[in-house]
Amino acid sequence: MGIILILFLLLLLAGLVFLGKVLIKWILRNKIRLRVFLMVLAIGILSVGINHFFFKHMRFIQSNVYPNLYLVKYPDKDYSIVEKAIQEKIKEHLNTEHKEGKALAYRRENGIYFYEYGGMTFGFVGDAGTGYFIDHEEDLGGFVTEELGMYPDYKLAEVYYNPCPQDSTLLCGEINYFNEGELIRVDSLNRVSAGVYPNNKGLK
């Protein structure tokens, strides 16, 4: 199966190279076609540049299936900025009422999980990426398995909390920060007020 897929990809690549050569020769035969091609190329490069510098801002996407899962799209290269954004999102999450959703496999219900958006690989035998879990449940026993634990390198943070021993209306716990799958720091979550959340029934 793997050999057939490799052969198919090689044939596809060869076909694309051949078509590219034919297209370039066709464009170079006429000055008007060349000018149009260069204009389209310039517009394309400009559009990519504008999109990269003005529209690729870091944002959080909450899963529609798992309310305690957030995917971070275009995380800032400065990891300290990502950490601060995650801390703000944690406070917002704990003070917001959410619809009760599914529970992630092999993870605590009283937790919040942050993953970078990405991880998609090519083909029907590839991985769908973390974006799969925005609208789909984990598939643990299907023909193609999709489980959040398959993407450890995209993990950014995990938060675990319980009612504080001294005051059950507040939450205490810890925030684990990750970079490329490695635990880099642990912070305390101390006496954070909590809204009405399915996994915190009774907390206010």
N, C-alpha and C. Protein backbone atom coordinates (compact mmCIF):
# COMPACT_ATOMS: atom_id res chain seq x y z
N MET A 1 0.83 -1.21 0.00
CA MET A 1 0.00 0.00 0.00
C MET A 1 0.87 1.26 0.00
N GLY A 2 1.90 1.26 0.85
CA GLY A 2 2.80 2.39 0.94
C GLY A 2 3.56 2.64 -0.35
N ILE A 3 4.00 1.54 -1.02
CA ILE A 3 4.75 1.66 -2.28
C ILE A 3 3.87 2.25 -3.37
N ILE A 4 2.60 1.78 -3.41
CA ILE A 4 1.66 2.30 -4.42
C ILE A 4 1.43 3.79 -4.23
N LEU A 5 1.29 4.22 -2.97
CA LEU A 5 1.08 5.64 -2.67
C LEU A 5 2.29 6.47 -3.10
N ILE A 6 3.50 5.97 -2.83
CA ILE A 6 4.73 6.67 -3.21
C ILE A 6 4.83 6.80 -4.73
N LEU A 7 4.52 5.70 -5.44
CA LEU A 7 4.55 5.72 -6.91
C LEU A 7 3.54 6.72 -7.47
N PHE A 8 2.36 6.74 -6.86
CA PHE A 8 1.33 7.68 -7.28
C PHE A 8 1.79 9.13 -7.10
N LEU A 9 2.41 9.41 -5.96
CA LEU A 9 2.90 10.76 -5.68
C LEU A 9 4.01 11.16 -6.65
N LEU A 10 4.89 10.21 -6.97
CA LEU A 10 5.98 10.49 -7.92
C LEU A 10 5.43 10.79 -9.31
N LEU A 11 4.44 10.00 -9.74
CA LEU A 11 3.80 10.24 -11.04
C LEU A 11 3.09 11.59 -11.07
N LEU A 12 2.42 11.91 -9.96
CA LEU A 12 1.73 13.19 -9.86
C LEU A 12 2.72 14.34 -9.94
N LEU A 13 3.85 14.22 -9.23
CA LEU A 13 4.88 15.25 -9.25
C LEU A 13 5.46 15.42 -10.65
N ALA A 14 5.74 14.29 -11.33
CA ALA A 14 6.28 14.35 -12.69
C ALA A 14 5.29 15.02 -13.64
N GLY A 15 4.02 14.71 -13.48
CA GLY A 15 2.99 15.32 -14.32
C GLY A 15 2.90 16.82 -14.10
N LEU A 16 3.00 17.26 -12.84
CA LEU A 16 2.95 18.68 -12.52
C LEU A 16 4.16 19.43 -13.09
N VAL A 17 5.34 18.80 -13.01
CA VAL A 17 6.56 19.41 -13.57
C VAL A 17 6.43 19.56 -15.08
N PHE A 18 5.92 18.52 -15.73
CA PHE A 18 5.73 18.56 -17.19
C PHE A 18 4.75 19.67 -17.60
N LEU A 19 3.62 19.73 -16.89
CA LEU A 19 2.62 20.77 -17.18
C LEU A 19 3.18 22.16 -16.92
N GLY A 20 4.01 22.28 -15.88
CA GLY A 20 4.63 23.56 -15.57
C GLY A 20 5.55 24.03 -16.69
N LYS A 21 6.34 23.11 -17.23
CA LYS A 21 7.25 23.45 -18.33
C LYS A 21 6.47 23.88 -19.57
N VAL A 22 5.41 23.15 -19.88
CA VAL A 22 4.58 23.48 -21.05
C VAL A 22 3.95 24.86 -20.87
N LEU A 23 3.45 25.15 -19.67
CA LEU A 23 2.81 26.43 -19.39
C LEU A 23 3.81 27.59 -19.51
N ILE A 24 5.00 27.40 -18.98
CA ILE A 24 6.03 28.45 -19.04
C ILE A 24 6.41 28.75 -20.49
N LYS A 25 6.60 27.71 -21.28
CA LYS A 25 6.93 27.91 -22.70
C LYS A 25 5.82 28.67 -23.42
N TRP A 26 4.57 28.32 -23.10
CA TRP A 26 3.42 28.97 -23.74
C TRP A 26 3.38 30.45 -23.36
N ILE A 27 3.67 30.77 -22.11
CA ILE A 27 3.66 32.16 -21.64
C ILE A 27 4.78 32.97 -22.29
N LEU A 28 5.98 32.38 -22.40
CA LEU A 28 7.14 33.10 -22.93
C LEU A 28 7.04 33.39 -24.42
N ARG A 29 6.15 32.72 -25.14
CA ARG A 29 6.00 32.93 -26.58
C ARG A 29 5.29 34.24 -26.92
N ASN A 30 4.65 34.86 -25.95
CA ASN A 30 3.85 36.05 -26.22
C ASN A 30 4.11 37.08 -25.12
N LYS A 31 4.43 38.32 -25.50
CA LYS A 31 4.77 39.37 -24.54
C LYS A 31 3.57 39.76 -23.67
N ILE A 32 2.39 39.76 -24.28
CA ILE A 32 1.18 40.12 -23.51
C ILE A 32 0.92 39.08 -22.43
N ARG A 33 1.04 37.79 -22.80
CA ARG A 33 0.83 36.72 -21.81
C ARG A 33 1.87 36.83 -20.70
N LEU A 34 3.11 37.19 -21.06
CA LEU A 34 4.17 37.32 -20.07
C LEU A 34 3.86 38.45 -19.09
N ARG A 35 3.39 39.59 -19.63
CA ARG A 35 3.06 40.73 -18.77
C ARG A 35 1.91 40.38 -17.82
N VAL A 36 0.89 39.72 -18.38
CA VAL A 36 -0.25 39.32 -17.55
C VAL A 36 0.21 38.36 -16.45
N PHE A 37 1.06 37.40 -16.82
CA PHE A 37 1.57 36.44 -15.84
C PHE A 37 2.35 37.14 -14.73
N LEU A 38 3.24 38.09 -15.10
CA LEU A 38 4.03 38.81 -14.10
C LEU A 38 3.15 39.67 -13.20
N MET A 39 2.09 40.25 -13.78
CA MET A 39 1.16 41.06 -13.00
C MET A 39 0.41 40.19 -11.98
N VAL A 40 -0.08 39.02 -12.44
CA VAL A 40 -0.79 38.10 -11.54
C VAL A 40 0.14 37.60 -10.45
N LEU A 41 1.40 37.31 -10.82
CA LEU A 41 2.39 36.84 -9.85
C LEU A 41 2.66 37.91 -8.79
N ALA A 42 2.80 39.17 -9.23
CA ALA A 42 3.05 40.27 -8.29
C ALA A 42 1.87 40.47 -7.34
N ILE A 43 0.64 40.38 -7.89
CA ILE A 43 -0.55 40.53 -7.05
C ILE A 43 -0.63 39.39 -6.04
N GLY A 44 -0.29 38.17 -6.49
CA GLY A 44 -0.31 37.02 -5.59
C GLY A 44 0.68 37.17 -4.45
N ILE A 45 1.92 37.61 -4.77
CA ILE A 45 2.94 37.81 -3.74
C ILE A 45 2.52 38.89 -2.76
N LEU A 46 1.95 39.98 -3.29
CA LEU A 46 1.49 41.08 -2.44
C LEU A 46 0.36 40.62 -1.52
N SER A 47 -0.56 39.82 -2.07
CA SER A 47 -1.69 39.32 -1.27
C SER A 47 -1.22 38.43 -0.14
N VAL A 48 -0.25 37.56 -0.45
CA VAL A 48 0.30 36.66 0.59
C VAL A 48 0.98 37.48 1.68
N GLY A 49 1.73 38.52 1.26
CA GLY A 49 2.41 39.36 2.23
C GLY A 49 1.44 40.10 3.14
N ILE A 50 0.38 40.68 2.54
CA ILE A 50 -0.63 41.39 3.32
C ILE A 50 -1.33 40.45 4.29
N ASN A 51 -1.68 39.26 3.80
CA ASN A 51 -2.36 38.28 4.64
C ASN A 51 -1.49 37.86 5.82
N HIS A 52 -0.19 37.69 5.54
CA HIS A 52 0.74 37.24 6.59
C HIS A 52 0.94 38.29 7.67
N PHE A 53 1.10 39.55 7.26
CA PHE A 53 1.45 40.59 8.22
C PHE A 53 0.25 41.28 8.88
N PHE A 54 -0.93 41.20 8.24
CA PHE A 54 -2.06 41.93 8.78
C PHE A 54 -3.23 41.06 9.24
N PHE A 55 -3.32 39.83 8.76
CA PHE A 55 -4.49 39.01 9.08
C PHE A 55 -4.17 37.75 9.88
N LYS A 56 -2.91 37.37 9.96
CA LYS A 56 -2.56 36.16 10.69
C LYS A 56 -2.29 36.48 12.17
N HIS A 57 -3.30 37.00 12.83
CA HIS A 57 -3.17 37.30 14.25
C HIS A 57 -3.57 36.08 15.07
N MET A 58 -2.90 35.90 16.19
CA MET A 58 -3.20 34.77 17.07
C MET A 58 -4.67 34.83 17.52
N ARG A 59 -5.34 33.70 17.43
CA ARG A 59 -6.71 33.64 17.92
C ARG A 59 -7.02 32.24 18.45
N PHE A 60 -8.00 32.19 19.35
CA PHE A 60 -8.40 30.94 19.99
C PHE A 60 -9.71 30.46 19.36
N ILE A 61 -9.74 29.17 19.03
CA ILE A 61 -10.95 28.55 18.47
C ILE A 61 -11.42 27.49 19.46
N GLN A 62 -12.60 27.70 20.02
CA GLN A 62 -13.15 26.72 20.97
C GLN A 62 -13.84 25.61 20.21
N SER A 63 -13.58 24.37 20.60
CA SER A 63 -14.20 23.21 19.95
C SER A 63 -15.71 23.24 20.16
N ASN A 64 -16.45 22.92 19.12
CA ASN A 64 -17.90 22.82 19.23
C ASN A 64 -18.34 21.51 19.87
N VAL A 65 -17.40 20.57 19.98
CA VAL A 65 -17.70 19.25 20.55
C VAL A 65 -17.21 19.15 21.99
N TYR A 66 -16.01 19.67 22.23
CA TYR A 66 -15.38 19.62 23.55
C TYR A 66 -15.19 21.06 24.06
N PRO A 67 -16.09 21.55 24.92
CA PRO A 67 -16.02 22.95 25.37
C PRO A 67 -14.73 23.31 26.08
N ASN A 68 -14.02 22.31 26.62
CA ASN A 68 -12.79 22.60 27.36
C ASN A 68 -11.54 22.43 26.49
N LEU A 69 -11.72 22.44 25.18
CA LEU A 69 -10.59 22.35 24.25
C LEU A 69 -10.53 23.62 23.40
N TYR A 70 -9.35 24.24 23.39
CA TYR A 70 -9.12 25.43 22.57
C TYR A 70 -7.95 25.18 21.62
N LEU A 71 -8.13 25.56 20.37
CA LEU A 71 -7.06 25.47 19.39
C LEU A 71 -6.56 26.88 19.11
N VAL A 72 -5.25 27.06 19.16
CA VAL A 72 -4.64 28.37 18.98
C VAL A 72 -4.11 28.48 17.55
N LYS A 73 -4.71 29.36 16.79
CA LYS A 73 -4.30 29.55 15.40
C LYS A 73 -3.32 30.72 15.32
N TYR A 74 -2.24 30.53 14.59
CA TYR A 74 -1.18 31.53 14.43
C TYR A 74 -0.62 32.00 15.78
N PRO A 75 -0.14 31.09 16.63
CA PRO A 75 0.42 31.52 17.91
C PRO A 75 1.62 32.44 17.70
N ASP A 76 1.76 33.44 18.56
CA ASP A 76 2.87 34.38 18.45
C ASP A 76 4.20 33.66 18.65
N LYS A 77 5.21 34.11 17.95
CA LYS A 77 6.54 33.50 18.06
C LYS A 77 7.14 33.71 19.45
N ASP A 78 6.72 34.79 20.10
CA ASP A 78 7.16 35.05 21.47
C ASP A 78 6.27 34.23 22.40
N TYR A 79 6.81 33.17 22.99
CA TYR A 79 5.99 32.24 23.77
C TYR A 79 5.40 32.90 25.01
N SER A 80 6.07 33.93 25.54
CA SER A 80 5.53 34.61 26.72
C SER A 80 4.20 35.28 26.40
N ILE A 81 4.04 35.75 25.17
CA ILE A 81 2.77 36.36 24.73
C ILE A 81 1.69 35.28 24.65
N VAL A 82 2.07 34.09 24.18
CA VAL A 82 1.12 32.97 24.11
C VAL A 82 0.67 32.58 25.51
N GLU A 83 1.60 32.53 26.46
CA GLU A 83 1.27 32.18 27.83
C GLU A 83 0.28 33.17 28.45
N LYS A 84 0.54 34.47 28.25
CA LYS A 84 -0.36 35.48 28.80
C LYS A 84 -1.75 35.37 28.18
N ALA A 85 -1.81 35.11 26.88
CA ALA A 85 -3.10 34.95 26.20
C ALA A 85 -3.85 33.73 26.74
N ILE A 86 -3.12 32.66 27.00
CA ILE A 86 -3.73 31.44 27.56
C ILE A 86 -4.27 31.73 28.96
N GLN A 87 -3.52 32.47 29.76
CA GLN A 87 -3.98 32.81 31.12
C GLN A 87 -5.28 33.60 31.08
N GLU A 88 -5.37 34.56 30.15
CA GLU A 88 -6.60 35.34 30.02
C GLU A 88 -7.77 34.46 29.56
N LYS A 89 -7.47 33.53 28.65
CA LYS A 89 -8.52 32.64 28.15
C LYS A 89 -9.00 31.70 29.26
N ILE A 90 -8.11 31.29 30.15
CA ILE A 90 -8.49 30.43 31.28
C ILE A 90 -9.48 31.16 32.18
N LYS A 91 -9.16 32.41 32.52
CA LYS A 91 -10.06 33.20 33.37
C LYS A 91 -11.42 33.38 32.70
N GLU A 92 -11.39 33.69 31.41
CA GLU A 92 -12.63 33.87 30.67
C GLU A 92 -13.45 32.58 30.65
N HIS A 93 -12.76 31.46 30.43
CA HIS A 93 -13.44 30.16 30.37
C HIS A 93 -14.11 29.82 31.70
N LEU A 94 -13.38 30.02 32.79
CA LEU A 94 -13.90 29.63 34.10
C LEU A 94 -15.02 30.54 34.58
N ASN A 95 -15.14 31.71 33.97
CA ASN A 95 -16.19 32.64 34.36
C ASN A 95 -17.32 32.72 33.35
N THR A 96 -17.35 31.75 32.43
CA THR A 96 -18.37 31.74 31.39
C THR A 96 -19.14 30.43 31.43
N GLU A 97 -20.44 30.52 31.28
CA GLU A 97 -21.25 29.30 31.23
C GLU A 97 -21.18 28.71 29.83
N HIS A 98 -20.88 27.41 29.74
CA HIS A 98 -20.76 26.73 28.46
C HIS A 98 -21.78 25.61 28.35
N LYS A 99 -22.10 25.29 27.13
CA LYS A 99 -22.95 24.12 26.91
C LYS A 99 -22.17 22.87 27.29
N GLU A 100 -22.87 21.92 27.85
CA GLU A 100 -22.21 20.67 28.23
C GLU A 100 -21.91 19.87 26.98
N GLY A 101 -20.65 19.49 26.81
CA GLY A 101 -20.24 18.74 25.62
C GLY A 101 -19.66 17.39 25.97
N LYS A 102 -18.98 16.81 25.02
CA LYS A 102 -18.34 15.52 25.21
C LYS A 102 -17.09 15.66 26.08
N ALA A 103 -16.66 14.55 26.66
CA ALA A 103 -15.42 14.53 27.43
C ALA A 103 -14.31 13.93 26.57
N LEU A 104 -13.16 14.55 26.58
CA LEU A 104 -12.01 14.03 25.84
C LEU A 104 -11.55 12.71 26.43
N ALA A 105 -11.15 11.80 25.58
CA ALA A 105 -10.68 10.50 26.03
C ALA A 105 -9.36 10.64 26.80
N TYR A 106 -9.23 9.88 27.87
CA TYR A 106 -8.00 9.80 28.65
C TYR A 106 -7.62 11.13 29.31
N ARG A 107 -8.58 12.02 29.49
CA ARG A 107 -8.29 13.30 30.13
C ARG A 107 -9.34 13.61 31.18
N ARG A 108 -8.93 14.39 32.18
CA ARG A 108 -9.84 14.75 33.25
C ARG A 108 -10.92 15.70 32.74
N GLU A 109 -12.10 15.57 33.34
CA GLU A 109 -13.18 16.47 32.96
C GLU A 109 -12.95 17.87 33.51
N ASN A 110 -12.32 17.96 34.69
CA ASN A 110 -12.07 19.27 35.28
C ASN A 110 -10.72 19.81 34.80
N GLY A 111 -10.63 19.96 33.48
CA GLY A 111 -9.41 20.48 32.88
C GLY A 111 -9.74 21.33 31.66
N ILE A 112 -8.77 22.13 31.24
CA ILE A 112 -8.88 22.92 30.01
C ILE A 112 -7.62 22.64 29.20
N TYR A 113 -7.78 22.45 27.90
CA TYR A 113 -6.65 22.02 27.07
C TYR A 113 -6.45 22.97 25.90
N PHE A 114 -5.20 23.32 25.68
CA PHE A 114 -4.83 24.24 24.61
C PHE A 114 -3.84 23.56 23.66
N TYR A 115 -4.20 23.53 22.38
CA TYR A 115 -3.35 22.93 21.35
C TYR A 115 -3.21 23.92 20.20
N GLU A 116 -2.05 23.89 19.56
CA GLU A 116 -1.88 24.70 18.36
C GLU A 116 -2.69 24.08 17.22
N TYR A 117 -3.26 24.92 16.41
CA TYR A 117 -4.02 24.45 15.24
C TYR A 117 -3.01 23.97 14.19
N GLY A 118 -3.12 22.72 13.77
CA GLY A 118 -2.20 22.20 12.75
C GLY A 118 -2.08 20.69 12.84
N GLY A 119 -1.04 20.15 12.21
CA GLY A 119 -0.78 18.72 12.26
C GLY A 119 -1.37 17.91 11.14
N MET A 120 -1.99 18.57 10.15
CA MET A 120 -2.60 17.83 9.04
C MET A 120 -1.51 17.27 8.13
N THR A 121 -1.67 16.03 7.71
CA THR A 121 -0.75 15.41 6.76
C THR A 121 -1.51 14.99 5.51
N PHE A 122 -0.76 14.67 4.45
CA PHE A 122 -1.36 14.43 3.13
C PHE A 122 -2.04 13.07 3.05
N GLY A 123 -3.14 13.05 2.30
CA GLY A 123 -3.73 11.77 1.87
C GLY A 123 -4.75 11.21 2.82
N PHE A 124 -5.47 10.19 2.32
CA PHE A 124 -6.52 9.57 3.11
C PHE A 124 -5.97 8.72 4.24
N VAL A 125 -4.66 8.42 4.20
CA VAL A 125 -4.05 7.66 5.29
C VAL A 125 -3.33 8.59 6.25
N GLY A 126 -3.38 9.90 6.01
CA GLY A 126 -2.70 10.86 6.85
C GLY A 126 -3.55 11.28 8.04
N ASP A 127 -2.99 12.18 8.86
CA ASP A 127 -3.70 12.70 10.03
C ASP A 127 -4.49 13.93 9.64
N ALA A 128 -5.65 14.09 10.26
CA ALA A 128 -6.53 15.21 9.94
C ALA A 128 -6.10 16.49 10.63
N GLY A 129 -5.22 16.39 11.63
CA GLY A 129 -4.75 17.57 12.35
C GLY A 129 -5.66 17.93 13.50
N THR A 130 -5.17 18.83 14.35
CA THR A 130 -5.95 19.20 15.54
C THR A 130 -7.24 19.91 15.17
N GLY A 131 -7.29 20.55 14.00
CA GLY A 131 -8.51 21.22 13.56
C GLY A 131 -9.69 20.28 13.42
N TYR A 132 -9.41 18.99 13.30
CA TYR A 132 -10.46 17.98 13.18
C TYR A 132 -11.41 18.02 14.38
N PHE A 133 -10.86 18.36 15.56
CA PHE A 133 -11.64 18.27 16.79
C PHE A 133 -12.50 19.51 17.05
N ILE A 134 -12.50 20.45 16.12
CA ILE A 134 -13.39 21.59 16.26
C ILE A 134 -14.84 21.15 16.10
N ASP A 135 -15.08 20.27 15.12
CA ASP A 135 -16.44 19.83 14.82
C ASP A 135 -16.63 18.32 14.88
N HIS A 136 -15.58 17.58 15.22
CA HIS A 136 -15.69 16.11 15.24
C HIS A 136 -15.23 15.54 16.58
N GLU A 137 -15.85 14.42 16.94
CA GLU A 137 -15.41 13.69 18.13
C GLU A 137 -14.16 12.89 17.80
N GLU A 138 -13.43 12.53 18.84
CA GLU A 138 -12.29 11.63 18.67
C GLU A 138 -12.80 10.29 18.14
N ASP A 139 -12.06 9.70 17.24
CA ASP A 139 -12.41 8.40 16.67
C ASP A 139 -11.34 7.42 17.12
N LEU A 140 -11.66 6.65 18.15
CA LEU A 140 -10.65 5.78 18.76
C LEU A 140 -10.61 4.39 18.14
N GLY A 141 -11.65 4.01 17.40
CA GLY A 141 -11.67 2.65 16.89
C GLY A 141 -12.03 2.53 15.44
N GLY A 142 -11.94 3.61 14.70
CA GLY A 142 -12.31 3.58 13.30
C GLY A 142 -11.18 3.12 12.40
N PHE A 143 -11.44 3.15 11.10
CA PHE A 143 -10.41 2.74 10.12
C PHE A 143 -9.20 3.65 10.21
N VAL A 144 -9.46 4.96 10.37
CA VAL A 144 -8.39 5.93 10.58
C VAL A 144 -8.61 6.56 11.96
N THR A 145 -7.73 6.27 12.90
CA THR A 145 -7.88 6.75 14.27
C THR A 145 -7.54 8.23 14.36
N GLU A 146 -8.37 8.96 15.07
CA GLU A 146 -8.12 10.38 15.35
C GLU A 146 -8.35 10.61 16.85
N GLU A 147 -7.26 10.87 17.55
CA GLU A 147 -7.33 11.10 18.99
C GLU A 147 -6.39 12.25 19.32
N LEU A 148 -6.79 13.12 20.22
CA LEU A 148 -6.01 14.32 20.51
C LEU A 148 -4.58 13.99 20.94
N GLY A 149 -4.43 12.86 21.61
CA GLY A 149 -3.10 12.45 22.07
C GLY A 149 -2.12 12.14 20.95
N MET A 150 -2.62 12.07 19.70
CA MET A 150 -1.74 11.83 18.55
C MET A 150 -0.91 13.06 18.20
N TYR A 151 -1.23 14.20 18.83
CA TYR A 151 -0.57 15.46 18.46
C TYR A 151 0.16 16.09 19.66
N PRO A 152 1.07 15.36 20.30
CA PRO A 152 1.75 15.90 21.48
C PRO A 152 2.59 17.14 21.19
N ASP A 153 3.14 17.23 19.99
CA ASP A 153 4.00 18.38 19.65
C ASP A 153 3.20 19.67 19.50
N TYR A 154 1.87 19.56 19.41
CA TYR A 154 1.03 20.74 19.24
C TYR A 154 0.39 21.18 20.57
N LYS A 155 0.72 20.46 21.63
CA LYS A 155 0.16 20.81 22.94
C LYS A 155 0.84 22.08 23.46
N LEU A 156 0.02 23.04 23.91
CA LEU A 156 0.54 24.29 24.45
C LEU A 156 0.35 24.40 25.96
N ALA A 157 -0.78 23.93 26.44
CA ALA A 157 -1.02 24.03 27.89
C ALA A 157 -2.14 23.08 28.30
N GLU A 158 -2.05 22.63 29.55
CA GLU A 158 -3.11 21.84 30.17
C GLU A 158 -3.38 22.44 31.54
N VAL A 159 -4.66 22.63 31.85
CA VAL A 159 -5.05 23.23 33.12
C VAL A 159 -5.90 22.23 33.90
N TYR A 160 -5.56 22.03 35.17
CA TYR A 160 -6.35 21.15 36.03
C TYR A 160 -6.78 21.93 37.25
N TYR A 161 -8.05 21.76 37.65
CA TYR A 161 -8.55 22.57 38.77
C TYR A 161 -9.57 21.79 39.57
N ASN A 162 -9.74 22.23 40.83
CA ASN A 162 -10.73 21.71 41.76
C ASN A 162 -11.13 22.84 42.69
N PRO A 163 -12.24 22.71 43.39
CA PRO A 163 -12.57 23.73 44.38
C PRO A 163 -11.46 23.87 45.41
N CYS A 164 -11.15 25.10 45.79
CA CYS A 164 -10.11 25.33 46.79
C CYS A 164 -10.54 24.75 48.14
N PRO A 165 -9.60 24.14 48.87
CA PRO A 165 -9.94 23.55 50.18
C PRO A 165 -10.53 24.58 51.16
N GLN A 166 -10.03 25.83 51.10
CA GLN A 166 -10.47 26.85 52.05
C GLN A 166 -11.79 27.50 51.64
N ASP A 167 -12.08 27.49 50.34
CA ASP A 167 -13.28 28.17 49.84
C ASP A 167 -13.76 27.45 48.58
N SER A 168 -14.84 26.71 48.69
CA SER A 168 -15.32 25.89 47.57
C SER A 168 -15.93 26.71 46.44
N THR A 169 -16.11 28.02 46.65
CA THR A 169 -16.63 28.86 45.57
C THR A 169 -15.51 29.34 44.64
N LEU A 170 -14.27 29.06 45.01
CA LEU A 170 -13.11 29.43 44.20
C LEU A 170 -12.41 28.18 43.70
N LEU A 171 -11.61 28.34 42.66
CA LEU A 171 -10.90 27.21 42.08
C LEU A 171 -9.40 27.33 42.30
N CYS A 172 -8.78 26.20 42.56
CA CYS A 172 -7.33 26.11 42.67
C CYS A 172 -6.85 24.97 41.78
N GLY A 173 -5.62 25.06 41.35
CA GLY A 173 -5.08 24.00 40.49
C GLY A 173 -3.73 24.38 39.94
N GLU A 174 -3.44 23.90 38.73
CA GLU A 174 -2.15 24.19 38.11
C GLU A 174 -2.28 24.30 36.61
N ILE A 175 -1.35 25.06 36.03
CA ILE A 175 -1.27 25.22 34.58
C ILE A 175 0.07 24.66 34.12
N ASN A 176 0.03 23.67 33.25
CA ASN A 176 1.25 23.08 32.69
C ASN A 176 1.45 23.64 31.28
N TYR A 177 2.61 24.24 31.04
CA TYR A 177 2.92 24.81 29.74
C TYR A 177 3.86 23.88 28.97
N PHE A 178 3.61 23.74 27.68
CA PHE A 178 4.40 22.84 26.84
C PHE A 178 4.94 23.58 25.62
N ASN A 179 6.07 23.12 25.15
CA ASN A 179 6.64 23.64 23.91
C ASN A 179 7.21 22.46 23.12
N GLU A 180 6.62 22.21 21.95
CA GLU A 180 7.00 21.07 21.11
C GLU A 180 6.93 19.76 21.88
N GLY A 181 5.89 19.62 22.67
CA GLY A 181 5.65 18.38 23.39
C GLY A 181 6.36 18.24 24.71
N GLU A 182 7.23 19.19 25.05
CA GLU A 182 8.00 19.11 26.29
C GLU A 182 7.42 20.06 27.34
N LEU A 183 7.26 19.54 28.57
CA LEU A 183 6.79 20.37 29.68
C LEU A 183 7.89 21.36 30.03
N ILE A 184 7.56 22.66 29.97
CA ILE A 184 8.60 23.66 30.22
C ILE A 184 8.36 24.44 31.52
N ARG A 185 7.12 24.47 32.01
CA ARG A 185 6.86 25.24 33.22
C ARG A 185 5.52 24.86 33.81
N VAL A 186 5.43 24.95 35.13
CA VAL A 186 4.17 24.69 35.84
C VAL A 186 3.85 25.91 36.68
N ASP A 187 2.65 26.46 36.52
CA ASP A 187 2.18 27.60 37.30
C ASP A 187 1.02 27.17 38.18
N SER A 188 0.85 27.87 39.27
CA SER A 188 -0.29 27.59 40.15
C SER A 188 -1.51 28.38 39.71
N LEU A 189 -2.66 27.78 39.87
CA LEU A 189 -3.93 28.45 39.63
C LEU A 189 -4.56 28.65 41.00
N ASN A 190 -4.49 29.85 41.53
CA ASN A 190 -4.88 30.10 42.91
C ASN A 190 -6.13 30.96 43.03
N ARG A 191 -7.13 30.40 43.68
CA ARG A 191 -8.33 31.13 44.09
C ARG A 191 -8.93 31.95 42.95
N VAL A 192 -9.23 31.26 41.87
CA VAL A 192 -9.86 31.89 40.71
C VAL A 192 -11.37 31.72 40.83
N SER A 193 -12.11 32.80 40.65
CA SER A 193 -13.57 32.70 40.72
C SER A 193 -14.07 31.92 39.51
N ALA A 194 -15.15 31.18 39.69
CA ALA A 194 -15.67 30.32 38.63
C ALA A 194 -17.12 30.61 38.36
N GLY A 195 -17.49 30.61 37.10
CA GLY A 195 -18.88 30.74 36.70
C GLY A 195 -19.56 29.39 36.76
N VAL A 196 -20.77 29.32 36.25
CA VAL A 196 -21.50 28.05 36.23
C VAL A 196 -21.03 27.25 35.03
N TYR A 197 -20.36 26.18 35.25
CA TYR A 197 -19.79 25.35 34.19
C TYR A 197 -20.17 23.90 34.45
N PRO A 198 -20.52 23.11 33.43
CA PRO A 198 -21.02 21.75 33.64
C PRO A 198 -20.17 20.89 34.57
N ASN A 199 -18.85 21.04 34.48
CA ASN A 199 -17.98 20.21 35.32
C ASN A 199 -17.77 20.80 36.71
N ASN A 200 -18.33 22.00 36.97
CA ASN A 200 -18.20 22.64 38.28
C ASN A 200 -19.57 22.88 38.89
N LYS A 201 -20.46 21.95 38.79
CA LYS A 201 -21.82 22.15 39.27
C LYS A 201 -21.77 22.51 40.77
N GLY A 202 -22.48 23.57 41.08
CA GLY A 202 -22.49 24.02 42.47
C GLY A 202 -21.55 25.17 42.71
N LEU A 203 -20.57 25.39 41.82
CA LEU A 203 -19.65 26.51 41.99
C LEU A 203 -20.30 27.77 41.44
N LYS A 204 -19.97 28.92 42.01
CA LYS A 204 -20.52 30.20 41.56
C LYS A 204 -19.40 31.20 41.40
